[in-house]
Amino acid sequence: MPAVTIRPATPADAIHMTCFVDMASEGLALILWDALREPHQTLIEFGRSRAMREDGAFSYRNAHIAEVEGVVAGGVVGYRIEPGHDVSVRMPDPAEAAKIPAFLRPVIELEQMAGDYWYVNILATYPEMRGKGVGAALLAKADALGRAAGAIGTALIVDADNRPALSVYARAGYAETARRPLIPFPMRPNGGTWLLLAKPLA
């Protein structure tokens, strides 16, 4: 199996980050961006501009990129969540926070439970790169970042129906700590359940 290498993201990786957040959020990010973008911006332009920011949760500074034989294969975005944080961690502008759709609030509630953890906000692999150990390598990188930051563990949120992802996370040592309803949205009209998974860091 080809070796997976991981490096810090740069602004040039913004278009990859835009793809990864769309995949990881199951389309939720695009809905949010549609509510926040300027009329002249496309969704991709808006997402790319956010990934190129110097601050904010969805910034290239919080991202690492996995490559296989020099080709971008996947990425992870993570940061430590301080206890008692609010939605400002996700969206610094209070005016933006007011625009959050109701179906995103259960996800935010789960995120707020991850105080003192290294929160894996985004983890995704391009479809053609799956089965090469990319996801496992990115999760190991998240563990290393969490330890360096003094976090008590790593945590992430996943759709309970995403069986392939759940299998990867179980092998990496994650277990369910909380759940919230998945309120129907255009890409998931039948609803479901969001799970907060966590694992301790030695």
C-alpha atoms as a PDB file:
ATOM      1  CA  MET A   1       0.000   0.000   0.000  1.00  0.00           C
ATOM      2  CA  PRO A   2       1.410   3.446  -0.883  1.00  0.00           C
ATOM      3  CA  ALA A   3       2.630   5.568   2.007  1.00  0.00           C
ATOM      4  CA  VAL A   4       0.368   8.340   3.298  1.00  0.00           C
ATOM      5  CA  THR A   5       2.105  11.614   4.084  1.00  0.00           C
ATOM      6  CA  ILE A   6       0.473  14.436   6.039  1.00  0.00           C
ATOM      7  CA  ARG A   7       1.424  18.106   5.938  1.00  0.00           C
ATOM      8  CA  PRO A   8       0.002  21.382   7.226  1.00  0.00           C
ATOM      9  CA  ALA A   9      -2.457  22.965   4.820  1.00  0.00           C
ATOM     10  CA  THR A  10      -1.673  26.180   2.957  1.00  0.00           C
ATOM     11  CA  PRO A  11      -4.000  28.752   1.377  1.00  0.00           C
ATOM     12  CA  ALA A  12      -3.486  26.896  -1.904  1.00  0.00           C
ATOM     13  CA  ASP A  13      -5.362  23.939  -0.395  1.00  0.00           C
ATOM     14  CA  ALA A  14      -8.540  25.995   0.076  1.00  0.00           C
ATOM     15  CA  ILE A  15     -10.339  24.351  -2.832  1.00  0.00           C
ATOM     16  CA  HIS A  16      -9.614  20.886  -1.389  1.00  0.00           C
ATOM     17  CA  MET A  17     -10.854  22.028   2.021  1.00  0.00           C
ATOM     18  CA  THR A  18     -14.043  23.260   0.392  1.00  0.00           C
ATOM     19  CA  CYS A  19     -14.624  19.810  -1.105  1.00  0.00           C
ATOM     20  CA  PHE A  20     -13.793  18.055   2.159  1.00  0.00           C
ATOM     21  CA  VAL A  21     -16.163  20.128   4.292  1.00  0.00           C
ATOM     22  CA  ASP A  22     -18.974  19.501   1.815  1.00  0.00           C
ATOM     23  CA  MET A  23     -18.366  15.741   1.977  1.00  0.00           C
ATOM     24  CA  ALA A  24     -17.926  15.635   5.753  1.00  0.00           C
ATOM     25  CA  SER A  25     -21.000  17.757   6.485  1.00  0.00           C
ATOM     26  CA  GLU A  26     -23.229  15.810   4.067  1.00  0.00           C
ATOM     27  CA  GLY A  27     -24.152  19.064   2.369  1.00  0.00           C
ATOM     28  CA  LEU A  28     -24.887  21.085   5.515  1.00  0.00           C
ATOM     29  CA  ALA A  29     -21.971  23.436   4.856  1.00  0.00           C
ATOM     30  CA  LEU A  30     -23.349  24.428   1.450  1.00  0.00           C
ATOM     31  CA  ILE A  31     -26.717  25.283   2.960  1.00  0.00           C
ATOM     32  CA  LEU A  32     -25.067  27.449   5.592  1.00  0.00           C
ATOM     33  CA  TRP A  33     -22.833  29.124   3.031  1.00  0.00           C
ATOM     34  CA  ASP A  34     -25.843  29.906   0.882  1.00  0.00           C
ATOM     35  CA  ALA A  35     -27.319  31.866   3.800  1.00  0.00           C
ATOM     36  CA  LEU A  36     -24.059  33.739   4.457  1.00  0.00           C
ATOM     37  CA  ARG A  37     -22.601  34.472   1.025  1.00  0.00           C
ATOM     38  CA  GLU A  38     -22.827  37.761  -0.795  1.00  0.00           C
ATOM     39  CA  PRO A  39     -25.188  37.817  -3.814  1.00  0.00           C
ATOM     40  CA  HIS A  40     -22.260  37.959  -6.237  1.00  0.00           C
ATOM     41  CA  GLN A  41     -20.481  34.933  -4.723  1.00  0.00           C
ATOM     42  CA  THR A  42     -20.952  31.333  -5.740  1.00  0.00           C
ATOM     43  CA  LEU A  43     -20.987  28.722  -2.983  1.00  0.00           C
ATOM     44  CA  ILE A  44     -17.553  27.473  -3.988  1.00  0.00           C
ATOM     45  CA  GLU A  45     -16.105  30.985  -4.040  1.00  0.00           C
ATOM     46  CA  PHE A  46     -17.504  31.669  -0.583  1.00  0.00           C
ATOM     47  CA  GLY A  47     -16.247  28.386   0.866  1.00  0.00           C
ATOM     48  CA  ARG A  48     -12.813  28.873  -0.646  1.00  0.00           C
ATOM     49  CA  SER A  49     -12.585  32.394   0.765  1.00  0.00           C
ATOM     50  CA  ARG A  50     -13.410  31.089   4.236  1.00  0.00           C
ATOM     51  CA  ALA A  51     -10.791  28.360   4.010  1.00  0.00           C
ATOM     52  CA  MET A  52      -8.181  30.967   3.079  1.00  0.00           C
ATOM     53  CA  ARG A  53      -8.833  33.043   6.204  1.00  0.00           C
ATOM     54  CA  GLU A  54      -6.138  33.462   8.816  1.00  0.00           C
ATOM     55  CA  ASP A  55      -8.564  32.827  11.691  1.00  0.00           C
ATOM     56  CA  GLY A  56     -11.874  31.114  12.383  1.00  0.00           C
ATOM     57  CA  ALA A  57     -12.552  27.409  12.828  1.00  0.00           C
ATOM     58  CA  PHE A  58     -12.685  26.678   9.085  1.00  0.00           C
ATOM     59  CA  SER A  59      -9.248  28.089   8.283  1.00  0.00           C
ATOM     60  CA  TYR A  60      -6.325  26.482   6.521  1.00  0.00           C
ATOM     61  CA  ARG A  61      -4.374  27.117   9.734  1.00  0.00           C
ATOM     62  CA  ASN A  62      -6.478  24.437  11.469  1.00  0.00           C
ATOM     63  CA  ALA A  63      -6.118  21.942   8.616  1.00  0.00           C
ATOM     64  CA  HIS A  64      -3.759  19.168   7.571  1.00  0.00           C
ATOM     65  CA  ILE A  65      -3.681  17.542   4.152  1.00  0.00           C
ATOM     66  CA  ALA A  66      -2.977  13.878   3.414  1.00  0.00           C
ATOM     67  CA  GLU A  67      -1.219  12.930   0.197  1.00  0.00           C
ATOM     68  CA  VAL A  68      -0.640   9.585  -1.488  1.00  0.00           C
ATOM     69  CA  GLU A  69       2.276   9.592  -3.934  1.00  0.00           C
ATOM     70  CA  GLY A  70       2.130  13.387  -4.067  1.00  0.00           C
ATOM     71  CA  VAL A  71      -1.605  13.535  -4.824  1.00  0.00           C
ATOM     72  CA  VAL A  72      -4.020  15.153  -2.350  1.00  0.00           C
ATOM     73  CA  ALA A  73      -6.111  12.344  -0.879  1.00  0.00           C
ATOM     74  CA  GLY A  74      -7.904  13.770   2.151  1.00  0.00           C
ATOM     75  CA  GLY A  75      -7.849  16.298   4.915  1.00  0.00           C
ATOM     76  CA  VAL A  76      -8.656  16.996   8.537  1.00  0.00           C
ATOM     77  CA  VAL A  77      -9.633  20.223  10.278  1.00  0.00           C
ATOM     78  CA  GLY A  78      -9.466  20.283  14.055  1.00  0.00           C
ATOM     79  CA  TYR A  79      -8.898  22.456  17.097  1.00  0.00           C
ATOM     80  CA  ARG A  80      -9.196  22.317  20.847  1.00  0.00           C
ATOM     81  CA  ILE A  81     -12.580  23.317  22.258  1.00  0.00           C
ATOM     82  CA  GLU A  82     -12.454  25.157  25.545  1.00  0.00           C
ATOM     83  CA  PRO A  83     -15.152  24.254  28.100  1.00  0.00           C
ATOM     84  CA  GLY A  84     -18.187  26.509  27.950  1.00  0.00           C
ATOM     85  CA  HIS A  85     -17.463  27.850  24.465  1.00  0.00           C
ATOM     86  CA  ASP A  86     -20.366  29.005  22.364  1.00  0.00           C
ATOM     87  CA  VAL A  87     -21.169  29.165  18.689  1.00  0.00           C
ATOM     88  CA  SER A  88     -18.550  31.899  18.272  1.00  0.00           C
ATOM     89  CA  VAL A  89     -15.941  29.122  17.969  1.00  0.00           C
ATOM     90  CA  ARG A  90     -17.644  27.985  14.801  1.00  0.00           C
ATOM     91  CA  MET A  91     -18.745  31.386  13.515  1.00  0.00           C
ATOM     92  CA  PRO A  92     -16.953  34.446  14.975  1.00  0.00           C
ATOM     93  CA  ASP A  93     -19.470  37.022  13.739  1.00  0.00           C
ATOM     94  CA  PRO A  94     -22.623  37.179  15.936  1.00  0.00           C
ATOM     95  CA  ALA A  95     -24.581  38.371  12.908  1.00  0.00           C
ATOM     96  CA  GLU A  96     -23.593  35.159  11.143  1.00  0.00           C
ATOM     97  CA  ALA A  97     -24.526  33.075  14.182  1.00  0.00           C
ATOM     98  CA  ALA A  98     -28.071  34.455  13.992  1.00  0.00           C
ATOM     99  CA  LYS A  99     -28.390  32.991  10.499  1.00  0.00           C
ATOM    100  CA  ILE A 100     -27.727  29.399  11.546  1.00  0.00           C
ATOM    101  CA  PRO A 101     -30.614  27.177  10.360  1.00  0.00           C
ATOM    102  CA  ALA A 102     -32.506  25.200  12.999  1.00  0.00           C
ATOM    103  CA  PHE A 103     -31.301  21.855  11.648  1.00  0.00           C
ATOM    104  CA  LEU A 104     -27.703  22.820  12.470  1.00  0.00           C
ATOM    105  CA  ARG A 105     -28.367  23.529  16.129  1.00  0.00           C
ATOM    106  CA  PRO A 106     -28.287  19.859  17.272  1.00  0.00           C
ATOM    107  CA  VAL A 107     -24.809  19.586  15.744  1.00  0.00           C
ATOM    108  CA  ILE A 108     -23.697  22.713  17.588  1.00  0.00           C
ATOM    109  CA  GLU A 109     -25.125  21.345  20.849  1.00  0.00           C
ATOM    110  CA  LEU A 110     -23.025  18.214  20.457  1.00  0.00           C
ATOM    111  CA  GLU A 111     -19.940  20.233  19.621  1.00  0.00           C
ATOM    112  CA  GLN A 112     -20.397  22.239  22.798  1.00  0.00           C
ATOM    113  CA  MET A 113     -20.184  19.000  24.795  1.00  0.00           C
ATOM    114  CA  ALA A 114     -16.629  18.425  23.591  1.00  0.00           C
ATOM    115  CA  GLY A 115     -14.982  20.821  26.018  1.00  0.00           C
ATOM    116  CA  ASP A 116     -11.280  20.088  26.636  1.00  0.00           C
ATOM    117  CA  TYR A 117     -11.224  17.730  23.639  1.00  0.00           C
ATOM    118  CA  TRP A 118      -9.428  18.107  20.329  1.00  0.00           C
ATOM    119  CA  TYR A 119     -12.450  18.426  18.054  1.00  0.00           C
ATOM    120  CA  VAL A 120     -12.220  16.879  14.596  1.00  0.00           C
ATOM    121  CA  ASN A 121     -14.496  19.287  12.772  1.00  0.00           C
ATOM    122  CA  ILE A 122     -13.840  17.872   9.309  1.00  0.00           C
ATOM    123  CA  LEU A 123     -12.365  14.582   8.148  1.00  0.00           C
ATOM    124  CA  ALA A 124     -12.823  13.436   4.570  1.00  0.00           C
ATOM    125  CA  THR A 125     -11.100  11.447   1.848  1.00  0.00           C
ATOM    126  CA  TYR A 126     -11.657  11.652  -1.871  1.00  0.00           C
ATOM    127  CA  PRO A 127     -13.649   8.576  -3.006  1.00  0.00           C
ATOM    128  CA  GLU A 128     -10.883   7.278  -5.267  1.00  0.00           C
ATOM    129  CA  MET A 129      -8.424   7.424  -2.353  1.00  0.00           C
ATOM    130  CA  ARG A 130     -10.462   5.389   0.123  1.00  0.00           C
ATOM    131  CA  GLY A 131      -9.166   2.041   1.322  1.00  0.00           C
ATOM    132  CA  LYS A 132      -5.560   3.275   1.347  1.00  0.00           C
ATOM    133  CA  GLY A 133      -5.296   4.074   5.055  1.00  0.00           C
ATOM    134  CA  VAL A 134      -5.813   7.805   4.578  1.00  0.00           C
ATOM    135  CA  GLY A 135      -8.606   8.139   7.142  1.00  0.00           C
ATOM    136  CA  ALA A 136      -6.656   6.213   9.779  1.00  0.00           C
ATOM    137  CA  ALA A 137      -3.570   8.362   9.160  1.00  0.00           C
ATOM    138  CA  LEU A 138      -5.594  11.557   9.525  1.00  0.00           C
ATOM    139  CA  LEU A 139      -7.163  10.330  12.778  1.00  0.00           C
ATOM    140  CA  ALA A 140      -3.689   9.495  14.109  1.00  0.00           C
ATOM    141  CA  LYS A 141      -2.612  13.026  13.212  1.00  0.00           C
ATOM    142  CA  ALA A 142      -5.609  14.403  15.122  1.00  0.00           C
ATOM    143  CA  ASP A 143      -4.527  12.359  18.156  1.00  0.00           C
ATOM    144  CA  ALA A 144      -1.006  13.783  17.933  1.00  0.00           C
ATOM    145  CA  LEU A 145      -2.319  17.342  17.660  1.00  0.00           C
ATOM    146  CA  GLY A 146      -4.634  16.757  20.593  1.00  0.00           C
ATOM    147  CA  ARG A 147      -1.818  15.471  22.781  1.00  0.00           C
ATOM    148  CA  ALA A 148       0.378  18.422  21.842  1.00  0.00           C
ATOM    149  CA  ALA A 149      -2.450  20.789  22.802  1.00  0.00           C
ATOM    150  CA  GLY A 150      -3.021  19.079  26.155  1.00  0.00           C
ATOM    151  CA  ALA A 151      -6.511  17.868  25.236  1.00  0.00           C
ATOM    152  CA  ILE A 152      -8.053  15.064  27.295  1.00  0.00           C
ATOM    153  CA  GLY A 153      -9.175  13.275  24.145  1.00  0.00           C
ATOM    154  CA  THR A 154     -10.366  13.646  20.580  1.00  0.00           C
ATOM    155  CA  ALA A 155     -14.006  13.984  19.577  1.00  0.00           C
ATOM    156  CA  LEU A 156     -16.056  14.179  16.398  1.00  0.00           C
ATOM    157  CA  ILE A 157     -19.647  14.129  15.174  1.00  0.00           C
ATOM    158  CA  VAL A 158     -20.984  11.596  12.681  1.00  0.00           C
ATOM    159  CA  ASP A 159     -24.288  10.595  11.126  1.00  0.00           C
ATOM    160  CA  ALA A 160     -25.455   7.354  12.757  1.00  0.00           C
ATOM    161  CA  ASP A 161     -26.303   5.982   9.301  1.00  0.00           C
ATOM    162  CA  ASN A 162     -22.763   6.476   8.003  1.00  0.00           C
ATOM    163  CA  ARG A 163     -21.676   2.876   8.581  1.00  0.00           C
ATOM    164  CA  PRO A 164     -18.313   3.050   6.761  1.00  0.00           C
ATOM    165  CA  ALA A 165     -17.243   6.053   8.859  1.00  0.00           C
ATOM    166  CA  LEU A 166     -18.479   4.459  12.078  1.00  0.00           C
ATOM    167  CA  SER A 167     -16.374   1.390  11.320  1.00  0.00           C
ATOM    168  CA  VAL A 168     -13.248   3.517  10.833  1.00  0.00           C
ATOM    169  CA  TYR A 169     -13.884   5.433  14.060  1.00  0.00           C
ATOM    170  CA  ALA A 170     -14.565   2.261  16.059  1.00  0.00           C
ATOM    171  CA  ARG A 171     -11.251   0.774  14.927  1.00  0.00           C
ATOM    172  CA  ALA A 172      -9.544   3.989  16.014  1.00  0.00           C
ATOM    173  CA  GLY A 173     -11.005   3.694  19.515  1.00  0.00           C
ATOM    174  CA  TYR A 174     -13.935   6.113  19.387  1.00  0.00           C
ATOM    175  CA  ALA A 175     -17.153   5.445  21.301  1.00  0.00           C
ATOM    176  CA  GLU A 176     -20.501   7.221  21.487  1.00  0.00           C
ATOM    177  CA  THR A 177     -20.865   9.786  24.273  1.00  0.00           C
ATOM    178  CA  ALA A 178     -24.035  11.635  23.231  1.00  0.00           C
ATOM    179  CA  ARG A 179     -26.610  11.886  20.461  1.00  0.00           C
ATOM    180  CA  ARG A 180     -29.052  14.399  19.047  1.00  0.00           C
ATOM    181  CA  PRO A 181     -31.772  14.177  16.387  1.00  0.00           C
ATOM    182  CA  LEU A 182     -30.793  14.793  12.803  1.00  0.00           C
ATOM    183  CA  ILE A 183     -33.430  17.322  11.789  1.00  0.00           C
ATOM    184  CA  PRO A 184     -34.399  16.782   8.130  1.00  0.00           C
ATOM    185  CA  PHE A 185     -32.684  18.965   5.543  1.00  0.00           C
ATOM    186  CA  PRO A 186     -32.632  18.760   1.740  1.00  0.00           C
ATOM    187  CA  MET A 187     -29.902  16.087   1.537  1.00  0.00           C
ATOM    188  CA  ARG A 188     -31.404  14.059   4.413  1.00  0.00           C
ATOM    189  CA  PRO A 189     -35.195  14.525   4.130  1.00  0.00           C
ATOM    190  CA  ASN A 190     -35.930  11.530   6.385  1.00  0.00           C
ATOM    191  CA  GLY A 191     -33.911  12.757   9.347  1.00  0.00           C
ATOM    192  CA  GLY A 192     -31.882  10.453  11.577  1.00  0.00           C
ATOM    193  CA  THR A 193     -29.412  10.808  14.427  1.00  0.00           C
ATOM    194  CA  TRP A 194     -26.164  12.680  15.006  1.00  0.00           C
ATOM    195  CA  LEU A 195     -23.621  10.967  17.273  1.00  0.00           C
ATOM    196  CA  LEU A 196     -20.843  12.575  19.303  1.00  0.00           C
ATOM    197  CA  LEU A 197     -17.944  10.125  19.440  1.00  0.00           C
ATOM    198  CA  ALA A 198     -14.902  10.529  21.649  1.00  0.00           C
ATOM    199  CA  LYS A 199     -11.755   8.702  22.691  1.00  0.00           C
ATOM    200  CA  PRO A 200      -9.350   9.423  25.548  1.00  0.00           C
ATOM    201  CA  LEU A 201      -5.762  10.429  24.905  1.00  0.00           C
ATOM    202  CA  ALA A 202      -3.083   8.956  27.142  1.00  0.00           C
END
